[in-house]
Amino acid sequence: MPDSMSEQLQQDMVCEGLLECFHGLKQLDRDVFQALVTTDEPLTVDEIAEAVDRERSTAYRAVQRLIQTGFIEKEQINYDQGGYYHVYSPTDPSKITDDMQRMLNDWYAKMGQLIQEFENKYEQSETSAPAAES
């Protein structure tokens, strides 16, 4: 069961915690992202799997989650004699932060709407209750 918001606010939050907080990413996803951030060149799935010491299929699933959330990008490299392969690299951090800021703003607006609905609901029930006799 997730912690309440008040409990979450009391905890120390770290930068990497944003990946889990915003997108529900797993430790493996963070490891894959870290492997891509710390290399100078884009990596293939095989290279990623080796970097995080996992099976290729497991690394591929993490790569797919990271692509879906926008944290990494896929590029197709074509062979001169035909055929191709894909390499992966981290998305520009400013794009990631812009997306997280938009998501946070949407969440904030939604919470504000829910709080207003709560107030309206219980304010109406309070005014419709009969006054107590003295």
Protein backbone atom coordinates (compact mmCIF):
# COMPACT_ATOMS: atom_id res chain seq x y z
CA MET A 1 0.00 0.00 0.00
CA PRO A 2 1.50 3.38 -0.94
CA ASP A 3 2.40 5.84 1.77
CA SER A 4 0.03 8.72 2.42
CA MET A 5 0.97 12.06 0.97
CA SER A 6 1.86 13.43 4.40
CA GLU A 7 4.21 10.46 4.97
CA GLN A 8 5.80 10.95 1.55
CA LEU A 9 6.40 14.64 2.27
CA GLN A 10 8.23 13.76 5.49
CA GLN A 11 10.63 11.38 3.71
CA ASP A 12 13.87 12.48 2.12
CA MET A 13 13.34 12.49 -1.66
CA VAL A 14 16.23 11.85 -4.01
CA CYS A 15 16.50 12.77 -7.66
CA GLU A 16 16.30 9.16 -8.86
CA GLY A 17 13.12 8.74 -6.83
CA LEU A 18 11.38 10.88 -9.42
CA LEU A 19 11.57 8.05 -11.94
CA GLU A 20 9.59 5.81 -9.61
CA CYS A 21 7.33 8.56 -8.29
CA PHE A 22 6.22 9.87 -11.68
CA HIS A 23 6.25 6.71 -13.77
CA GLY A 24 6.37 3.73 -11.42
CA LEU A 25 9.71 2.60 -12.83
CA LYS A 26 11.55 -0.28 -11.21
CA GLN A 27 15.13 -0.53 -9.97
CA LEU A 28 16.14 -2.29 -13.20
CA ASP A 29 14.68 0.58 -15.23
CA ARG A 30 16.74 3.04 -13.18
CA ASP A 31 19.85 0.87 -13.68
CA VAL A 32 19.31 0.82 -17.45
CA PHE A 33 18.78 4.58 -17.50
CA GLN A 34 21.94 5.09 -15.44
CA ALA A 35 23.92 2.84 -17.81
CA LEU A 36 22.81 4.95 -20.76
CA VAL A 37 23.53 8.25 -19.00
CA THR A 38 27.06 7.24 -18.02
CA THR A 39 28.19 6.16 -21.50
CA ASP A 40 29.38 8.44 -24.28
CA GLU A 41 27.79 6.41 -27.08
CA PRO A 42 24.28 5.03 -27.63
CA LEU A 43 24.01 1.35 -26.68
CA THR A 44 22.35 -1.70 -28.21
CA VAL A 45 20.08 -3.88 -26.09
CA ASP A 46 22.88 -6.47 -25.87
CA GLU A 47 25.28 -3.82 -24.53
CA ILE A 48 22.65 -2.60 -22.07
CA ALA A 49 21.99 -6.17 -20.87
CA GLU A 50 25.71 -6.65 -20.28
CA ALA A 51 25.99 -3.31 -18.45
CA VAL A 52 23.19 -4.19 -16.01
CA ASP A 53 24.08 -7.90 -15.84
CA ARG A 54 20.69 -9.16 -16.99
CA GLU A 55 19.30 -11.34 -19.77
CA ARG A 56 18.71 -9.60 -23.10
CA SER A 57 14.91 -10.05 -22.89
CA THR A 58 14.80 -8.58 -19.38
CA ALA A 59 16.89 -5.58 -20.45
CA TYR A 60 14.68 -5.15 -23.52
CA ARG A 61 11.53 -4.90 -21.36
CA ALA A 62 13.19 -2.20 -19.25
CA VAL A 63 14.22 -0.36 -22.42
CA GLN A 64 10.62 -0.50 -23.67
CA ARG A 65 9.31 0.97 -20.39
CA LEU A 66 11.88 3.78 -20.60
CA ILE A 67 10.95 4.54 -24.21
CA GLN A 68 7.26 4.57 -23.29
CA THR A 69 7.88 7.09 -20.50
CA GLY A 70 10.09 9.25 -22.71
CA PHE A 71 13.31 8.80 -20.72
CA ILE A 72 15.25 7.25 -23.58
CA GLU A 73 15.17 7.43 -27.37
CA LYS A 74 15.62 4.75 -30.01
CA GLU A 75 17.61 5.30 -33.21
CA GLN A 76 17.83 2.97 -36.19
CA ILE A 77 21.31 2.38 -37.63
CA ASN A 78 21.38 0.99 -41.18
CA TYR A 79 24.08 -1.36 -42.43
CA ASP A 80 25.60 -0.46 -45.83
CA GLN A 81 24.88 -3.96 -47.16
CA GLY A 82 21.28 -3.92 -45.91
CA GLY A 83 19.65 -4.55 -42.57
CA TYR A 84 19.64 -2.44 -39.45
CA TYR A 85 19.88 -2.43 -35.67
CA HIS A 86 18.72 -0.09 -32.92
CA VAL A 87 20.68 1.89 -30.39
CA TYR A 88 19.35 3.71 -27.35
CA SER A 89 20.35 6.94 -25.65
CA PRO A 90 18.93 9.10 -22.87
CA THR A 91 16.48 11.83 -23.79
CA ASP A 92 17.63 15.42 -23.26
CA PRO A 93 17.19 16.08 -19.51
CA SER A 94 15.39 19.37 -20.16
CA LYS A 95 12.69 17.52 -22.14
CA ILE A 96 12.30 14.99 -19.33
CA THR A 97 12.01 17.73 -16.71
CA ASP A 98 9.51 19.66 -18.86
CA ASP A 99 7.37 16.52 -19.14
CA MET A 100 7.55 15.90 -15.38
CA GLN A 101 6.66 19.53 -14.67
CA ARG A 102 3.64 19.28 -16.97
CA MET A 103 2.58 16.06 -15.26
CA LEU A 104 2.99 17.67 -11.84
CA ASN A 105 0.93 20.70 -12.93
CA ASP A 106 -1.84 18.40 -14.23
CA TRP A 107 -1.79 16.45 -10.95
CA TYR A 108 -1.90 19.67 -8.93
CA ALA A 109 -4.88 20.94 -10.92
CA LYS A 110 -6.69 17.62 -10.47
CA MET A 111 -6.05 17.61 -6.71
CA GLY A 112 -7.28 21.20 -6.47
CA GLN A 113 -10.48 20.20 -8.26
CA LEU A 114 -11.00 17.21 -5.93
CA ILE A 115 -10.43 19.39 -2.86
CA GLN A 116 -13.00 21.90 -4.16
CA GLU A 117 -15.50 19.09 -4.79
CA PHE A 118 -14.92 17.83 -1.24
CA GLU A 119 -15.52 21.29 0.19
CA ASN A 120 -18.67 21.80 -1.90
CA LYS A 121 -20.09 18.41 -0.92
CA TYR A 122 -19.60 18.81 2.82
CA GLU A 123 -20.42 22.51 2.90
CA GLN A 124 -23.81 21.71 1.33
CA SER A 125 -24.54 18.92 3.81
CA GLU A 126 -23.63 21.25 6.68
CA THR A 127 -26.03 23.97 5.50
CA SER A 128 -28.86 21.51 4.86
CA ALA A 129 -28.64 19.94 8.35
CA PRO A 130 -31.36 21.18 10.75
CA ALA A 131 -30.24 23.62 13.40
CA ALA A 132 -29.94 22.17 16.89
CA GLU A 133 -32.48 23.47 19.44
CA SER A 134 -31.21 25.11 22.62
